Amino acid sequence: MDERQNKLLKAIVESYIKTVKPIGSKSLCKKFGCSSATIRNEMAELERLGFIEKNHISSGRIPSEAGYKYYVEYLMKPKELTGEDVLKLQTIFKNNELELSDAINKTVEIISELTNYTSIILGKSSSENTLKQVSVIPITDNKIVALVCTDKGIVENKQFLLEKESEINEIVKTSEIINKMLVGTPINEVGKRLEFEIKPIISRQIKQYEAVYNIFADAFNDFLNKSHNVYFGGKTKIFDEPEYNNVLEIKQLASKFEDKDFIKRIEEDSEDASGEVKIYIGEENEFDPNVTIIKSKYRLNGEEGTIAIVGPKRMEYDRVVGLLSYLQKEFNEMERDGEEDEQ
């Protein structure tokens, strides 16, 4: 397209993103200082090329999926974060007392707050994790929560209903033995050591050792089976957008957010080490054809995963790309600082 058509398409896309109103030739005439006939001809050409389309409820035009893609590839420039946005994120990055899982949770909350879209972080449990601590928290007389913590800051919990003859103090005693003997063990080796080293010991000291052993075996197996740690921010924010006024469509999308298989489709290809922010509009993503997903990979404290922002196709691309680019830079710096500290 020529320069005027590029500027015209950019104006149409950005106006629709901001106002959610179809754009007519009259408003564009004022902006470009051209005659109505000229603008109509240029819009007709953009429509012929498939970059804009008619809105069913007015004579104005809106960007098509192809129009958004062209805008993202050729016309859009990432927007820098404001000082206020940076300050909110720095409260997390500079807080050395936060565990990794807490830092990630707070990050997705702030991302969602800044963008008004749904944010997701999918983290992979790395084989580099070692056991840091096992804790047992009594909830009621027959219910406990077992917590498994790693040196990388990943925390998983699982609730158990105890048999009547099981005593909480025996379970606590077993956790103390595990902490004494297995702390520092690679997380994928804990199960084996639990069976061959811990089980013989507790069989001599604890009456209901089989039941107690099974509690901890189940907790570690559950930890290993969770190949993804999924953190959501603003899960329902996307439904505040005017595009989502159809109850059936809302239900379908909401059910996907609850389906682990669908969520895994958001994850960025682990073989792609480029670290670029990538944009998947409509049919390009495997999650839902009516949304845009902007995502990038990250690596932090030995953990790697995907940060994704899910919103309508009428998304503030420049703002979201700028935000993810900033997060990538911060995570990379934190990773480098961590590696230097280890040396």
Protein backbone atom coordinates (compact mmCIF):
# COMPACT_ATOMS: atom_id res chain seq x y z
CA MET A 1 0.00 0.00 0.00
CA ASP A 2 1.09 3.60 -0.50
CA GLU A 3 1.89 5.97 2.38
CA ARG A 4 -1.57 7.53 2.56
CA GLN A 5 -3.29 4.14 2.66
CA ASN A 6 -0.94 3.04 5.46
CA LYS A 7 -1.74 6.17 7.46
CA LEU A 8 -5.44 5.74 6.78
CA LEU A 9 -5.48 2.13 7.93
CA LYS A 10 -3.44 3.05 11.04
CA ALA A 11 -5.95 5.77 11.88
CA ILE A 12 -8.92 3.41 11.39
CA VAL A 13 -7.41 0.65 13.54
CA GLU A 14 -6.34 2.96 16.38
CA SER A 15 -9.63 4.85 16.35
CA TYR A 16 -11.64 1.63 16.55
CA ILE A 17 -9.41 0.27 19.33
CA LYS A 18 -10.07 3.42 21.34
CA THR A 19 -13.74 4.12 20.63
CA VAL A 20 -15.20 0.75 19.53
CA LYS A 21 -17.16 2.75 16.96
CA PRO A 22 -17.16 2.14 13.18
CA ILE A 23 -15.24 4.81 11.30
CA GLY A 24 -16.87 6.84 8.52
CA SER A 25 -15.23 8.93 5.83
CA LYS A 26 -16.37 12.24 7.36
CA SER A 27 -14.17 12.02 10.46
CA LEU A 28 -11.20 10.94 8.34
CA CYS A 29 -11.61 13.91 5.97
CA LYS A 30 -10.94 16.29 8.84
CA LYS A 31 -7.92 14.32 10.02
CA PHE A 32 -6.24 14.02 6.62
CA GLY A 33 -7.46 17.23 4.99
CA CYS A 34 -8.75 15.34 1.95
CA SER A 35 -12.04 15.46 0.14
CA SER A 36 -14.78 13.03 1.03
CA ALA A 37 -14.50 11.43 -2.41
CA THR A 38 -10.77 10.80 -1.95
CA ILE A 39 -11.24 9.19 1.45
CA ARG A 40 -14.12 7.04 0.21
CA ASN A 41 -12.00 5.83 -2.70
CA GLU A 42 -9.10 4.98 -0.41
CA MET A 43 -11.42 3.17 2.01
CA ALA A 44 -12.92 1.25 -0.89
CA GLU A 45 -9.41 0.13 -1.83
CA LEU A 46 -8.64 -0.92 1.75
CA GLU A 47 -11.87 -2.88 1.78
CA ARG A 48 -11.00 -4.50 -1.54
CA LEU A 49 -7.65 -5.54 -0.09
CA GLY A 50 -9.47 -7.08 2.88
CA PHE A 51 -8.04 -4.79 5.58
CA ILE A 52 -11.35 -3.20 6.62
CA GLU A 53 -14.93 -4.39 6.45
CA LYS A 54 -18.46 -3.09 6.81
CA ASN A 55 -20.06 -3.03 10.20
CA HIS A 56 -23.51 -4.64 10.15
CA ILE A 57 -25.18 -1.89 12.16
CA SER A 58 -23.83 1.20 10.39
CA SER A 59 -22.29 2.46 7.18
CA GLY A 60 -18.89 2.84 8.86
CA ARG A 61 -15.95 0.47 8.54
CA ILE A 62 -14.04 -1.54 11.13
CA PRO A 63 -10.68 -3.32 10.88
CA SER A 64 -10.77 -6.91 9.66
CA GLU A 65 -8.56 -9.64 11.09
CA ALA A 66 -6.20 -9.10 8.15
CA GLY A 67 -6.22 -5.38 8.91
CA TYR A 68 -5.10 -5.96 12.49
CA LYS A 69 -2.33 -8.28 11.28
CA TYR A 70 -1.07 -5.72 8.77
CA TYR A 71 -1.21 -3.00 11.43
CA VAL A 72 0.81 -5.10 13.88
CA GLU A 73 3.44 -6.09 11.34
CA TYR A 74 3.99 -2.80 9.54
CA LEU A 75 2.39 0.15 11.33
CA MET A 76 2.39 -0.38 15.08
CA LYS A 77 5.19 0.81 17.38
CA PRO A 78 5.44 -0.50 20.97
CA LYS A 79 4.48 2.09 23.57
CA GLU A 80 6.82 2.80 26.46
CA LEU A 81 5.48 2.28 29.96
CA THR A 82 4.62 5.32 32.03
CA GLY A 83 6.56 6.07 35.19
CA GLU A 84 3.56 5.00 37.26
CA ASP A 85 3.40 1.63 35.47
CA VAL A 86 7.11 1.03 35.99
CA LEU A 87 6.83 1.90 39.69
CA LYS A 88 4.06 -0.68 40.21
CA LEU A 89 6.15 -3.43 38.62
CA GLN A 90 9.34 -2.42 40.40
CA THR A 91 7.67 -3.06 43.76
CA ILE A 92 7.79 -6.74 42.77
CA PHE A 93 11.16 -6.89 41.05
CA LYS A 94 12.95 -5.14 43.91
CA ASN A 95 11.30 -7.21 46.67
CA ASN A 96 13.91 -9.87 47.46
CA GLU A 97 11.74 -11.39 50.18
CA LEU A 98 9.07 -12.66 47.76
CA GLU A 99 9.09 -16.32 46.81
CA LEU A 100 9.05 -16.94 43.06
CA SER A 101 5.43 -18.15 43.06
CA ASP A 102 4.30 -15.06 45.02
CA ALA A 103 6.23 -12.75 42.69
CA ILE A 104 4.61 -14.34 39.64
CA ASN A 105 1.15 -14.11 41.20
CA LYS A 106 1.62 -10.42 41.91
CA THR A 107 3.02 -9.86 38.41
CA VAL A 108 -0.06 -11.26 36.66
CA GLU A 109 -2.32 -9.19 38.91
CA ILE A 110 -0.51 -5.99 37.96
CA ILE A 111 -0.39 -6.91 34.25
CA SER A 112 -4.15 -7.38 34.29
CA GLU A 113 -4.63 -4.14 36.20
CA LEU A 114 -2.49 -2.19 33.70
CA THR A 115 -4.07 -3.64 30.56
CA ASN A 116 -7.64 -4.49 31.65
CA TYR A 117 -7.17 -7.84 29.89
CA THR A 118 -6.75 -11.37 31.22
CA SER A 119 -3.11 -12.25 31.96
CA ILE A 120 -1.71 -15.75 32.31
CA ILE A 121 1.70 -17.08 33.29
CA LEU A 122 2.42 -20.72 32.54
CA GLY A 123 5.53 -21.90 34.39
CA LYS A 124 7.28 -25.19 33.89
CA SER A 125 8.64 -26.99 36.89
CA SER A 126 12.34 -27.38 36.16
CA SER A 127 14.35 -30.50 36.98
CA GLU A 128 16.82 -28.07 38.57
CA ASN A 129 14.43 -27.69 41.56
CA THR A 130 15.58 -29.24 44.80
CA LEU A 131 13.52 -29.88 47.89
CA LYS A 132 13.71 -26.98 50.35
CA GLN A 133 11.05 -27.93 52.89
CA VAL A 134 8.03 -30.07 53.60
CA SER A 135 5.42 -28.66 55.97
CA VAL A 136 2.24 -30.07 57.46
CA ILE A 137 -0.58 -27.74 58.50
CA PRO A 138 -3.56 -29.17 60.45
CA ILE A 139 -6.89 -27.78 59.24
CA THR A 140 -9.31 -29.82 61.33
CA ASP A 141 -9.03 -32.96 63.46
CA ASN A 142 -8.97 -35.14 60.35
CA LYS A 143 -7.78 -32.79 57.60
CA ILE A 144 -4.27 -31.52 56.85
CA VAL A 145 -2.49 -29.61 54.11
CA ALA A 146 0.92 -30.83 52.99
CA LEU A 147 3.17 -28.10 51.52
CA VAL A 148 6.12 -28.90 49.25
CA CYS A 149 8.58 -26.02 48.71
CA THR A 150 11.56 -25.94 46.34
CA ASP A 151 14.72 -23.86 46.35
CA LYS A 152 13.39 -22.01 43.27
CA GLY A 153 10.44 -20.65 45.22
CA ILE A 154 7.78 -23.01 43.85
CA VAL A 155 5.20 -23.99 46.46
CA GLU A 156 2.54 -26.65 45.97
CA ASN A 157 -0.05 -27.80 48.47
CA LYS A 158 -2.40 -30.75 48.73
CA GLN A 159 -5.18 -31.46 51.20
CA PHE A 160 -5.63 -34.87 52.80
CA LEU A 161 -8.43 -36.42 54.82
CA LEU A 162 -6.92 -38.59 57.54
CA GLU A 163 -8.15 -41.97 58.61
CA LYS A 164 -9.43 -41.96 62.18
CA GLU A 165 -6.47 -43.93 63.48
CA SER A 166 -3.96 -41.62 61.85
CA GLU A 167 -2.37 -39.22 64.27
CA ILE A 168 -1.27 -35.77 63.15
CA ASN A 169 1.81 -35.89 65.37
CA GLU A 170 3.01 -38.98 63.48
CA ILE A 171 2.64 -37.12 60.21
CA VAL A 172 4.50 -34.12 61.61
CA LYS A 173 7.27 -36.45 62.83
CA THR A 174 7.58 -37.93 59.35
CA SER A 175 7.84 -34.47 57.81
CA GLU A 176 10.69 -33.70 60.22
CA ILE A 177 12.52 -36.87 59.12
CA ILE A 178 12.03 -35.95 55.46
CA ASN A 179 13.35 -32.43 56.06
CA LYS A 180 16.38 -33.79 57.90
CA MET A 181 17.29 -36.36 55.25
CA LEU A 182 15.98 -35.13 51.89
CA VAL A 183 16.39 -31.34 51.83
CA GLY A 184 18.60 -30.50 48.83
CA THR A 185 17.50 -33.57 46.86
CA PRO A 186 16.49 -32.92 43.21
CA ILE A 187 12.70 -32.91 43.24
CA ASN A 188 12.47 -35.70 40.65
CA GLU A 189 14.56 -38.00 42.90
CA VAL A 190 12.59 -37.42 46.11
CA GLY A 191 10.02 -40.15 45.43
CA LYS A 192 12.69 -42.83 45.05
CA ARG A 193 14.53 -41.78 48.22
CA LEU A 194 11.22 -41.54 50.06
CA GLU A 195 10.49 -45.18 49.31
CA PHE A 196 13.93 -46.69 49.91
CA GLU A 197 15.28 -44.48 52.73
CA ILE A 198 12.38 -42.85 54.58
CA LYS A 199 9.85 -45.67 54.51
CA PRO A 200 12.09 -48.19 56.32
CA ILE A 201 12.78 -45.64 59.06
CA ILE A 202 9.16 -44.67 59.72
CA SER A 203 8.09 -48.34 59.60
CA ARG A 204 10.07 -48.80 62.83
CA GLN A 205 8.88 -45.60 64.53
CA ILE A 206 5.29 -45.03 63.41
CA LYS A 207 2.28 -47.33 63.84
CA GLN A 208 0.29 -46.32 60.78
CA TYR A 209 3.40 -45.85 58.65
CA GLU A 210 1.80 -47.08 55.40
CA ALA A 211 -0.95 -44.43 55.57
CA VAL A 212 1.55 -41.75 56.54
CA TYR A 213 3.98 -42.77 53.79
CA ASN A 214 1.19 -42.66 51.21
CA ILE A 215 0.32 -39.08 52.17
CA PHE A 216 3.82 -37.84 51.39
CA ALA A 217 4.21 -40.07 48.33
CA ASP A 218 0.97 -38.66 46.91
CA ALA A 219 2.05 -35.09 47.67
CA PHE A 220 5.35 -35.48 45.79
CA ASN A 221 3.76 -37.36 42.89
CA ASP A 222 1.15 -34.61 42.58
CA PHE A 223 3.94 -32.03 42.51
CA LEU A 224 5.80 -33.84 39.72
CA ASN A 225 2.65 -34.43 37.68
CA LYS A 226 1.97 -30.70 37.55
CA SER A 227 4.16 -29.90 34.57
CA HIS A 228 2.50 -26.49 34.45
CA ASN A 229 1.97 -23.96 37.18
CA VAL A 230 -0.77 -21.67 35.89
CA TYR A 231 -1.22 -18.19 37.35
CA PHE A 232 -4.19 -16.02 36.31
CA GLY A 233 -4.71 -12.31 36.63
CA GLY A 234 -8.11 -10.79 35.90
CA LYS A 235 -9.61 -14.00 34.55
CA THR A 236 -12.98 -12.30 33.93
CA LYS A 237 -11.67 -8.90 32.76
CA ILE A 238 -11.92 -9.86 29.09
CA PHE A 239 -15.69 -10.21 29.54
CA ASP A 240 -15.92 -6.50 30.38
CA GLU A 241 -15.04 -5.69 26.77
CA PRO A 242 -18.05 -4.71 24.59
CA GLU A 243 -17.33 -7.53 22.13
CA TYR A 244 -18.48 -10.05 24.72
CA ASN A 245 -22.21 -9.45 25.00
CA ASN A 246 -23.26 -12.92 23.89
CA VAL A 247 -23.94 -15.18 26.87
CA LEU A 248 -23.12 -18.36 24.95
CA GLU A 249 -19.78 -16.99 23.76
CA ILE A 250 -18.91 -15.88 27.28
CA LYS A 251 -19.67 -19.35 28.64
CA GLN A 252 -17.57 -21.03 25.95
CA LEU A 253 -14.57 -18.82 26.57
CA ALA A 254 -14.94 -19.07 30.36
CA SER A 255 -14.95 -22.87 30.12
CA LYS A 256 -11.68 -22.76 28.17
CA PHE A 257 -10.05 -20.80 30.97
CA GLU A 258 -10.97 -23.67 33.30
CA ASP A 259 -9.72 -26.39 30.92
CA LYS A 260 -6.02 -27.23 31.40
CA ASP A 261 -5.72 -28.65 27.89
CA PHE A 262 -6.94 -25.39 26.36
CA ILE A 263 -4.68 -23.35 28.62
CA LYS A 264 -1.68 -25.39 27.51
CA ARG A 265 -2.37 -24.28 23.95
CA ILE A 266 -1.41 -20.79 25.03
CA GLU A 267 2.10 -21.86 25.97
CA GLU A 268 4.86 -20.59 23.69
CA ASP A 269 6.90 -23.19 21.80
CA SER A 270 9.70 -24.24 24.16
CA GLU A 271 12.05 -24.73 21.21
CA ASP A 272 11.78 -21.05 20.31
CA ALA A 273 14.62 -19.39 22.17
CA SER A 274 14.36 -16.05 20.35
CA GLY A 275 12.59 -14.43 23.29
CA GLU A 276 10.54 -12.21 20.99
CA VAL A 277 7.11 -10.91 21.90
CA LYS A 278 4.71 -12.71 19.56
CA ILE A 279 1.18 -11.82 18.54
CA TYR A 280 -1.48 -14.35 17.54
CA ILE A 281 -4.66 -12.77 16.20
CA GLY A 282 -7.91 -14.69 15.85
CA GLU A 283 -7.42 -17.83 13.80
CA GLU A 284 -3.64 -17.66 14.34
CA ASN A 285 -3.93 -18.84 17.95
CA GLU A 286 -5.01 -22.33 18.98
CA PHE A 287 -6.99 -21.11 21.96
CA ASP A 288 -9.97 -19.22 20.55
CA PRO A 289 -10.55 -17.62 17.12
CA ASN A 290 -12.30 -14.59 18.62
CA VAL A 291 -9.40 -13.37 20.77
CA THR A 292 -5.87 -12.08 20.38
CA ILE A 293 -3.07 -13.56 22.45
CA ILE A 294 0.20 -11.70 22.88
CA LYS A 295 2.89 -13.72 24.61
CA SER A 296 6.57 -14.15 25.28
CA LYS A 297 8.84 -16.64 27.02
CA TYR A 298 10.71 -15.94 30.22
CA ARG A 299 13.38 -17.59 32.32
CA LEU A 300 13.81 -16.76 35.98
CA ASN A 301 15.62 -18.53 38.83
CA GLY A 302 16.05 -21.63 36.68
CA GLU A 303 12.37 -21.67 35.79
CA GLU A 304 11.06 -21.02 32.31
CA GLY A 305 7.56 -20.39 31.08
CA THR A 306 5.23 -18.20 29.06
CA ILE A 307 3.63 -14.85 29.86
CA ALA A 308 0.43 -14.32 27.86
CA ILE A 309 -2.15 -11.55 27.67
CA VAL A 310 -5.56 -12.49 26.30
CA GLY A 311 -7.95 -9.85 24.97
CA PRO A 312 -10.25 -9.00 22.10
CA LYS A 313 -8.88 -8.59 18.57
CA ARG A 314 -9.46 -4.90 19.19
CA MET A 315 -6.56 -4.87 21.62
CA GLU A 316 -4.17 -2.05 22.51
CA TYR A 317 -1.31 -3.80 20.73
CA ASP A 318 1.26 -1.04 21.21
CA ARG A 319 0.68 -0.90 24.97
CA VAL A 320 0.65 -4.68 25.52
CA VAL A 321 3.77 -5.28 23.40
CA GLY A 322 5.56 -2.48 25.25
CA LEU A 323 4.59 -4.03 28.59
CA LEU A 324 5.76 -7.55 27.68
CA SER A 325 9.00 -6.20 26.24
CA TYR A 326 9.64 -4.40 29.53
CA LEU A 327 8.87 -7.55 31.56
CA GLN A 328 11.25 -9.59 29.39
CA LYS A 329 14.02 -7.07 30.02
CA GLU A 330 13.42 -7.13 33.79
CA PHE A 331 13.27 -10.94 33.98
CA ASN A 332 16.48 -11.22 31.94
CA GLU A 333 18.26 -8.82 34.27
CA MET A 334 17.02 -10.72 37.34
CA GLU A 335 18.20 -13.99 35.80
CA ARG A 336 21.65 -12.55 35.07
CA ASP A 337 21.90 -11.12 38.58
CA GLY A 338 20.98 -14.52 40.01
CA GLU A 339 23.66 -16.27 37.95
CA GLU A 340 26.29 -13.72 39.04
CA ASP A 341 25.37 -14.24 42.72
CA GLU A 342 25.81 -17.99 42.34
CA GLN A 343 29.29 -17.46 40.89
